[in-house]
C-alpha cells in the first residue's frame, strides 16, 4: 500500500520511535535516546492499545517482522531497529552508552537482565491485567524489596557512582526505568531504606538529556504507571 511504502522510506530528517503512549517496556529506549542526545519523535498507533490490524500492518511494513515489531526505532537514515532489548543496545552503541571492556560488557548484559526480571514481575502485579490482591501484596512486600536489595548490592559494589564505574551507561538507564516506572512510582515510599539506590535515582535524573526529556511535553503526555495499577 502507498501508506506503507511512504512509512518504510523516511522522507524527513527525524528519527521516529514507534510505541504506545505509556511508560511501558519501550520507555527505557526513550530515556536512552534522550541521554545520548539523539533526537526523536514518538509515533503512537491510532486508537492506542490494543493496536488495530491497520497499525500492526504498518509496523510490519516498516520492521519486517511477521511477529512483533514494537518497540521500534525508525532512523532518519533508513535504518530500522526492532525488539526492545536489541533496540536498547543499538541506541547504547550509537550514543556512546555501551561499555567496551569485556568484564563491563558482561555486567551490562547481567544488569539489563536484572532490570527485565523486575519489569516482568511488575507487569504481573497490574490489576487491570488480572493480578489478584494476593499477587499485588506479594509484589509490594516481598518481590519489590527483594529486587531493590539485589540491585542496591550491585550498585554498592561498583567502583563509581553508577552501576558501572563513573559514567552513565545503558545499564543505569535500564535499571532506572525498571526501578522507578515499575517499582517506586507505583509503590510510594518503596525506596525508603535503600538510600544508595535513592541517591542514584536522583543522579540519573540529573543527566541533562534525561532531565530535559522529563520536562518535555512529550513525557508529560505519557501514561505513567502509578499506585492505581496496583489497585491502590
C-alpha atoms as a PDB file:
ATOM      1  CA  UNK A   1       0.000   0.000   0.000  1.00  0.00           C
ATOM      2  CA  UNK A   2       1.108   3.571  -0.676  1.00  0.00           C
ATOM      3  CA  UNK A   3       0.896   4.447   3.009  1.00  0.00           C
ATOM      4  CA  UNK A   4       3.159   1.556   3.935  1.00  0.00           C
ATOM      5  CA  UNK A   5       5.675   2.485   1.255  1.00  0.00           C
ATOM      6  CA  UNK A   6       5.721   6.057   2.486  1.00  0.00           C
ATOM      7  CA  UNK A   7       6.493   4.977   6.040  1.00  0.00           C
ATOM      8  CA  UNK A   8       9.116   2.431   5.012  1.00  0.00           C
ATOM      9  CA  UNK A   9      11.191   5.145   3.287  1.00  0.00           C
ATOM     10  CA  UNK A  10      11.608   8.035   5.748  1.00  0.00           C
ATOM     11  CA  UNK A  11      11.471  11.352   3.904  1.00  0.00           C
ATOM     12  CA  UNK A  12      12.363  13.630   6.800  1.00  0.00           C
ATOM     13  CA  UNK A  13      15.412  14.014   8.985  1.00  0.00           C
ATOM     14  CA  UNK A  14      13.524  12.831  12.053  1.00  0.00           C
ATOM     15  CA  UNK A  15      14.098   9.625  13.981  1.00  0.00           C
ATOM     16  CA  UNK A  16      10.775   8.023  14.904  1.00  0.00           C
ATOM     17  CA  UNK A  17      10.085   5.834  17.909  1.00  0.00           C
ATOM     18  CA  UNK A  18       7.049   3.598  17.434  1.00  0.00           C
ATOM     19  CA  UNK A  19       5.425   2.584  20.704  1.00  0.00           C
ATOM     20  CA  UNK A  20       2.415   3.234  22.912  1.00  0.00           C
ATOM     21  CA  UNK A  21       1.921   6.494  24.807  1.00  0.00           C
ATOM     22  CA  UNK A  22       2.946   4.894  28.094  1.00  0.00           C
ATOM     23  CA  UNK A  23       5.990   4.210  30.245  1.00  0.00           C
ATOM     24  CA  UNK A  24       5.972   0.539  29.329  1.00  0.00           C
ATOM     25  CA  UNK A  25       8.664  -1.845  28.115  1.00  0.00           C
ATOM     26  CA  UNK A  26       9.822   0.585  25.436  1.00  0.00           C
ATOM     27  CA  UNK A  27      10.290   3.579  27.700  1.00  0.00           C
ATOM     28  CA  UNK A  28      13.920   2.814  28.558  1.00  0.00           C
ATOM     29  CA  UNK A  29      14.655   3.395  24.867  1.00  0.00           C
ATOM     30  CA  UNK A  30      13.226   6.921  25.094  1.00  0.00           C
ATOM     31  CA  UNK A  31      15.438   7.570  28.104  1.00  0.00           C
ATOM     32  CA  UNK A  32      18.492   6.196  26.312  1.00  0.00           C
ATOM     33  CA  UNK A  33      17.839   8.331  23.236  1.00  0.00           C
ATOM     34  CA  UNK A  34      17.492  11.367  25.482  1.00  0.00           C
ATOM     35  CA  UNK A  35      20.655  10.629  27.468  1.00  0.00           C
ATOM     36  CA  UNK A  36      22.571  10.184  24.190  1.00  0.00           C
ATOM     37  CA  UNK A  37      21.098  13.415  22.776  1.00  0.00           C
ATOM     38  CA  UNK A  38      19.643  11.560  19.799  1.00  0.00           C
ATOM     39  CA  UNK A  39      16.535  13.500  18.686  1.00  0.00           C
ATOM     40  CA  UNK A  40      13.360  11.518  18.119  1.00  0.00           C
ATOM     41  CA  UNK A  41       9.619  11.843  17.759  1.00  0.00           C
ATOM     42  CA  UNK A  42       7.087   9.469  19.276  1.00  0.00           C
ATOM     43  CA  UNK A  43       4.813   7.682  16.817  1.00  0.00           C
ATOM     44  CA  UNK A  44       1.731   6.284  18.567  1.00  0.00           C
ATOM     45  CA  UNK A  45      -0.713   3.849  16.971  1.00  0.00           C
ATOM     46  CA  UNK A  46      -4.082   5.325  16.113  1.00  0.00           C
ATOM     47  CA  UNK A  47      -6.574   4.102  18.680  1.00  0.00           C
ATOM     48  CA  UNK A  48      -3.908   3.326  21.274  1.00  0.00           C
ATOM     49  CA  UNK A  49      -3.849  -0.083  22.939  1.00  0.00           C
ATOM     50  CA  UNK A  50      -4.665  -2.731  21.865  1.00  0.00           C
ATOM     51  CA  UNK A  51      -3.415  -1.882  18.373  1.00  0.00           C
ATOM     52  CA  UNK A  52      -5.640  -2.192  15.356  1.00  0.00           C
ATOM     53  CA  UNK A  53      -4.932  -4.539  12.467  1.00  0.00           C
ATOM     54  CA  UNK A  54      -4.006  -1.482  10.398  1.00  0.00           C
ATOM     55  CA  UNK A  55      -1.427  -0.401  12.985  1.00  0.00           C
ATOM     56  CA  UNK A  56       0.110  -3.880  13.018  1.00  0.00           C
ATOM     57  CA  UNK A  57       0.246  -3.911   9.213  1.00  0.00           C
ATOM     58  CA  UNK A  58       2.058  -0.577   9.248  1.00  0.00           C
ATOM     59  CA  UNK A  59       4.587  -1.822  11.799  1.00  0.00           C
ATOM     60  CA  UNK A  60       5.212  -4.973   9.736  1.00  0.00           C
ATOM     61  CA  UNK A  61       5.774  -2.883   6.631  1.00  0.00           C
ATOM     62  CA  UNK A  62       8.472  -0.935   8.476  1.00  0.00           C
ATOM     63  CA  UNK A  63      10.061  -3.512  10.780  1.00  0.00           C
ATOM     64  CA  UNK A  64       9.546  -6.575   8.564  1.00  0.00           C
ATOM     65  CA  UNK A  65       8.967  -8.958  11.490  1.00  0.00           C
ATOM     66  CA  UNK A  66       5.878 -11.084  10.942  1.00  0.00           C
ATOM     67  CA  UNK A  67       5.551 -11.423  14.732  1.00  0.00           C
ATOM     68  CA  UNK A  68       6.223  -8.360  16.872  1.00  0.00           C
ATOM     69  CA  UNK A  69       7.863  -5.107  15.782  1.00  0.00           C
ATOM     70  CA  UNK A  70       7.401  -2.598  18.559  1.00  0.00           C
ATOM     71  CA  UNK A  71       9.103  -1.022  20.365  1.00  0.00           C
ATOM     72  CA  UNK A  72      10.661   0.020  17.057  1.00  0.00           C
ATOM     73  CA  UNK A  73      13.112   2.788  16.190  1.00  0.00           C
ATOM     74  CA  UNK A  74      12.990   4.123  12.636  1.00  0.00           C
ATOM     75  CA  UNK A  75      16.073   6.221  11.930  1.00  0.00           C
ATOM     76  CA  UNK A  76      16.122   9.174   9.555  1.00  0.00           C
ATOM     77  CA  UNK A  77      18.876   7.474   7.527  1.00  0.00           C
ATOM     78  CA  UNK A  78      16.623   4.488   6.785  1.00  0.00           C
ATOM     79  CA  UNK A  79      17.842   2.042   9.420  1.00  0.00           C
ATOM     80  CA  UNK A  80      15.163   0.288  11.447  1.00  0.00           C
ATOM     81  CA  UNK A  81      15.669  -1.443  14.806  1.00  0.00           C
ATOM     82  CA  UNK A  82      13.093  -3.777  16.397  1.00  0.00           C
ATOM     83  CA  UNK A  83      12.761  -5.846  19.600  1.00  0.00           C
ATOM     84  CA  UNK A  84      13.082  -3.896  22.842  1.00  0.00           C
ATOM     85  CA  UNK A  85      16.393  -5.257  24.147  1.00  0.00           C
ATOM     86  CA  UNK A  86      18.013  -5.109  20.702  1.00  0.00           C
ATOM     87  CA  UNK A  87      16.854  -1.520  20.142  1.00  0.00           C
ATOM     88  CA  UNK A  88      18.136  -0.540  23.584  1.00  0.00           C
ATOM     89  CA  UNK A  89      21.574  -1.980  22.860  1.00  0.00           C
ATOM     90  CA  UNK A  90      21.674  -0.381  19.400  1.00  0.00           C
ATOM     91  CA  UNK A  91      20.930   3.041  20.864  1.00  0.00           C
ATOM     92  CA  UNK A  92      23.597   2.465  23.514  1.00  0.00           C
ATOM     93  CA  UNK A  93      26.208   1.678  20.859  1.00  0.00           C
ATOM     94  CA  UNK A  94      25.208   4.612  18.659  1.00  0.00           C
ATOM     95  CA  UNK A  95      25.037   7.022  21.583  1.00  0.00           C
ATOM     96  CA  UNK A  96      28.175   6.043  23.493  1.00  0.00           C
ATOM     97  CA  UNK A  97      26.318   4.468  26.402  1.00  0.00           C
ATOM     98  CA  UNK A  98      27.740   0.962  25.947  1.00  0.00           C
ATOM     99  CA  UNK A  99      30.985  -0.025  27.723  1.00  0.00           C
ATOM    100  CA  UNK A 100      33.735  -1.693  25.706  1.00  0.00           C
ATOM    101  CA  UNK A 101      35.639  -3.633  28.378  1.00  0.00           C
ATOM    102  CA  UNK A 102      34.773  -7.353  28.342  1.00  0.00           C
ATOM    103  CA  UNK A 103      34.024  -7.509  32.056  1.00  0.00           C
ATOM    104  CA  UNK A 104      31.917  -4.373  31.914  1.00  0.00           C
ATOM    105  CA  UNK A 105      30.019  -5.724  28.924  1.00  0.00           C
ATOM    106  CA  UNK A 106      29.149  -8.828  30.928  1.00  0.00           C
ATOM    107  CA  UNK A 107      27.944  -6.667  33.826  1.00  0.00           C
ATOM    108  CA  UNK A 108      25.900  -4.610  31.392  1.00  0.00           C
ATOM    109  CA  UNK A 109      24.173  -7.701  30.000  1.00  0.00           C
ATOM    110  CA  UNK A 110      23.653  -9.021  33.518  1.00  0.00           C
ATOM    111  CA  UNK A 111      22.119  -5.766  34.776  1.00  0.00           C
ATOM    112  CA  UNK A 112      19.876  -5.494  31.708  1.00  0.00           C
ATOM    113  CA  UNK A 113      18.605  -8.973  32.567  1.00  0.00           C
ATOM    114  CA  UNK A 114      18.116  -7.974  36.219  1.00  0.00           C
ATOM    115  CA  UNK A 115      16.107  -4.956  35.087  1.00  0.00           C
ATOM    116  CA  UNK A 116      13.963  -7.116  32.818  1.00  0.00           C
ATOM    117  CA  UNK A 117      13.344  -9.551  35.688  1.00  0.00           C
ATOM    118  CA  UNK A 118      11.981  -6.696  37.802  1.00  0.00           C
ATOM    119  CA  UNK A 119       9.977  -5.319  34.891  1.00  0.00           C
ATOM    120  CA  UNK A 120       8.424  -8.736  34.294  1.00  0.00           C
ATOM    121  CA  UNK A 121       7.447  -9.083  37.949  1.00  0.00           C
ATOM    122  CA  UNK A 122       5.983  -5.603  37.799  1.00  0.00           C
ATOM    123  CA  UNK A 123       3.737  -6.478  34.876  1.00  0.00           C
ATOM    124  CA  UNK A 124       2.406  -9.478  36.810  1.00  0.00           C
ATOM    125  CA  UNK A 125       1.084  -7.104  39.503  1.00  0.00           C
ATOM    126  CA  UNK A 126      -1.147  -4.931  37.289  1.00  0.00           C
ATOM    127  CA  UNK A 127      -4.726  -5.370  38.481  1.00  0.00           C
ATOM    128  CA  UNK A 128      -6.089  -4.283  35.091  1.00  0.00           C
ATOM    129  CA  UNK A 129      -4.440  -7.356  33.602  1.00  0.00           C
ATOM    130  CA  UNK A 130      -5.722  -9.810  36.168  1.00  0.00           C
ATOM    131  CA  UNK A 131      -3.408  -9.557  39.185  1.00  0.00           C
ATOM    132  CA  UNK A 132      -5.052 -10.801  42.363  1.00  0.00           C
ATOM    133  CA  UNK A 133      -4.922  -8.973  45.668  1.00  0.00           C
ATOM    134  CA  UNK A 134      -2.520 -11.644  46.926  1.00  0.00           C
ATOM    135  CA  UNK A 135      -0.218 -11.085  43.942  1.00  0.00           C
ATOM    136  CA  UNK A 136      -0.266  -7.341  44.500  1.00  0.00           C
ATOM    137  CA  UNK A 137       0.588  -7.641  48.193  1.00  0.00           C
ATOM    138  CA  UNK A 138       3.363 -10.127  47.424  1.00  0.00           C
ATOM    139  CA  UNK A 139       4.843  -7.720  44.887  1.00  0.00           C
ATOM    140  CA  UNK A 140       4.741  -4.815  47.335  1.00  0.00           C
ATOM    141  CA  UNK A 141       6.019  -6.623  50.409  1.00  0.00           C
ATOM    142  CA  UNK A 142       8.302  -9.327  49.040  1.00  0.00           C
ATOM    143  CA  UNK A 143       9.142  -9.112  45.349  1.00  0.00           C
ATOM    144  CA  UNK A 144       9.970  -5.414  45.094  1.00  0.00           C
ATOM    145  CA  UNK A 145      12.202  -5.264  48.202  1.00  0.00           C
ATOM    146  CA  UNK A 146      13.990  -8.404  47.011  1.00  0.00           C
ATOM    147  CA  UNK A 147      14.835  -6.858  43.635  1.00  0.00           C
ATOM    148  CA  UNK A 148      15.699  -3.468  45.121  1.00  0.00           C
ATOM    149  CA  UNK A 149      18.083  -5.158  47.533  1.00  0.00           C
ATOM    150  CA  UNK A 150      19.775  -7.135  44.777  1.00  0.00           C
ATOM    151  CA  UNK A 151      20.234  -4.040  42.623  1.00  0.00           C
ATOM    152  CA  UNK A 152      21.476  -1.899  45.505  1.00  0.00           C
ATOM    153  CA  UNK A 153      24.010  -4.599  46.390  1.00  0.00           C
ATOM    154  CA  UNK A 154      25.480  -4.364  42.905  1.00  0.00           C
ATOM    155  CA  UNK A 155      25.444  -0.578  42.924  1.00  0.00           C
ATOM    156  CA  UNK A 156      27.420  -0.571  46.177  1.00  0.00           C
ATOM    157  CA  UNK A 157      29.958  -2.942  44.624  1.00  0.00           C
ATOM    158  CA  UNK A 158      30.605  -0.544  41.738  1.00  0.00           C
ATOM    159  CA  UNK A 159      33.862   1.403  41.625  1.00  0.00           C
ATOM    160  CA  UNK A 160      31.950   4.624  40.945  1.00  0.00           C
ATOM    161  CA  UNK A 161      28.636   6.403  41.419  1.00  0.00           C
ATOM    162  CA  UNK A 162      26.917   4.452  38.653  1.00  0.00           C
ATOM    163  CA  UNK A 163      26.388   0.736  38.185  1.00  0.00           C
ATOM    164  CA  UNK A 164      29.484   0.505  36.003  1.00  0.00           C
ATOM    165  CA  UNK A 165      32.084   2.990  37.177  1.00  0.00           C
ATOM    166  CA  UNK A 166      31.813   6.766  37.000  1.00  0.00           C
ATOM    167  CA  UNK A 167      29.822   7.158  33.779  1.00  0.00           C
ATOM    168  CA  UNK A 168      26.155   6.740  32.965  1.00  0.00           C
ATOM    169  CA  UNK A 169      25.657   3.631  30.818  1.00  0.00           C
ATOM    170  CA  UNK A 170      22.750   1.742  29.343  1.00  0.00           C
ATOM    171  CA  UNK A 171      22.810  -0.460  32.462  1.00  0.00           C
ATOM    172  CA  UNK A 172      21.864   2.547  34.587  1.00  0.00           C
ATOM    173  CA  UNK A 173      19.098   3.574  32.223  1.00  0.00           C
ATOM    174  CA  UNK A 174      17.537   0.104  32.084  1.00  0.00           C
ATOM    175  CA  UNK A 175      17.731  -0.309  35.851  1.00  0.00           C
ATOM    176  CA  UNK A 176      16.379   3.202  36.435  1.00  0.00           C
ATOM    177  CA  UNK A 177      13.387   2.504  34.213  1.00  0.00           C
ATOM    178  CA  UNK A 178      12.595  -0.768  35.993  1.00  0.00           C
ATOM    179  CA  UNK A 179      13.141   0.617  39.494  1.00  0.00           C
ATOM    180  CA  UNK A 180      11.050   3.758  39.025  1.00  0.00           C
ATOM    181  CA  UNK A 181       8.409   3.079  36.382  1.00  0.00           C
ATOM    182  CA  UNK A 182       7.661  -0.454  37.553  1.00  0.00           C
ATOM    183  CA  UNK A 183       8.548  -0.005  41.224  1.00  0.00           C
ATOM    184  CA  UNK A 184       8.869   3.199  43.220  1.00  0.00           C
ATOM    185  CA  UNK A 185       6.380   5.245  41.167  1.00  0.00           C
ATOM    186  CA  UNK A 186       3.785   2.551  41.846  1.00  0.00           C
ATOM    187  CA  UNK A 187       4.682   1.787  45.465  1.00  0.00           C
ATOM    188  CA  UNK A 188       5.212   5.155  47.085  1.00  0.00           C
ATOM    189  CA  UNK A 189       7.968   5.066  49.686  1.00  0.00           C
ATOM    190  CA  UNK A 190       9.346   1.740  48.490  1.00  0.00           C
ATOM    191  CA  UNK A 191      12.844   3.186  48.115  1.00  0.00           C
ATOM    192  CA  UNK A 192      12.944   4.142  51.799  1.00  0.00           C
ATOM    193  CA  UNK A 193      15.674   2.050  53.341  1.00  0.00           C
ATOM    194  CA  UNK A 194      17.518   1.807  50.021  1.00  0.00           C
ATOM    195  CA  UNK A 195      19.370   5.076  50.378  1.00  0.00           C
ATOM    196  CA  UNK A 196      22.122   4.243  47.879  1.00  0.00           C
ATOM    197  CA  UNK A 197      19.533   3.476  45.212  1.00  0.00           C
ATOM    198  CA  UNK A 198      17.561   6.590  46.096  1.00  0.00           C
ATOM    199  CA  UNK A 199      20.619   8.844  45.677  1.00  0.00           C
ATOM    200  CA  UNK A 200      21.472   7.106  42.406  1.00  0.00           C
ATOM    201  CA  UNK A 201      17.944   7.718  41.060  1.00  0.00           C
ATOM    202  CA  UNK A 202      18.461  11.440  41.667  1.00  0.00           C
ATOM    203  CA  UNK A 203      21.811  11.263  39.874  1.00  0.00           C
ATOM    204  CA  UNK A 204      20.324   9.565  36.815  1.00  0.00           C
ATOM    205  CA  UNK A 205      17.551  12.160  36.693  1.00  0.00           C
ATOM    206  CA  UNK A 206      20.148  14.944  36.815  1.00  0.00           C
ATOM    207  CA  UNK A 207      21.576  13.824  33.455  1.00  0.00           C
ATOM    208  CA  UNK A 208      20.999  16.798  31.161  1.00  0.00           C
ATOM    209  CA  UNK A 209      19.349  14.860  28.351  1.00  0.00           C
ATOM    210  CA  UNK A 210      17.092  12.852  30.672  1.00  0.00           C
ATOM    211  CA  UNK A 211      16.226  15.938  32.725  1.00  0.00           C
ATOM    212  CA  UNK A 212      15.219  17.865  29.614  1.00  0.00           C
ATOM    213  CA  UNK A 213      13.156  14.965  28.301  1.00  0.00           C
ATOM    214  CA  UNK A 214      11.320  14.553  31.607  1.00  0.00           C
ATOM    215  CA  UNK A 215      10.451  18.251  31.490  1.00  0.00           C
ATOM    216  CA  UNK A 216       9.088  17.969  27.944  1.00  0.00           C
ATOM    217  CA  UNK A 217       5.523  17.906  26.685  1.00  0.00           C
ATOM    218  CA  UNK A 218       6.202  14.502  25.126  1.00  0.00           C
ATOM    219  CA  UNK A 219       6.945  12.982  28.516  1.00  0.00           C
ATOM    220  CA  UNK A 220       4.055  14.837  30.161  1.00  0.00           C
ATOM    221  CA  UNK A 221       1.631  13.233  27.711  1.00  0.00           C
ATOM    222  CA  UNK A 222       2.551   9.643  28.557  1.00  0.00           C
ATOM    223  CA  UNK A 223       0.512   7.335  30.766  1.00  0.00           C
ATOM    224  CA  UNK A 224       2.708   6.840  33.808  1.00  0.00           C
ATOM    225  CA  UNK A 225       2.297   3.750  35.965  1.00  0.00           C
ATOM    226  CA  UNK A 226       1.202   4.750  39.454  1.00  0.00           C
ATOM    227  CA  UNK A 227      -0.423   3.203  42.552  1.00  0.00           C
ATOM    228  CA  UNK A 228      -3.671   2.777  40.611  1.00  0.00           C
ATOM    229  CA  UNK A 229      -2.038  -0.045  38.626  1.00  0.00           C
ATOM    230  CA  UNK A 230      -1.922  -1.924  41.922  1.00  0.00           C
ATOM    231  CA  UNK A 231      -5.498  -1.034  42.818  1.00  0.00           C
ATOM    232  CA  UNK A 232      -4.272   1.493  45.385  1.00  0.00           C
END
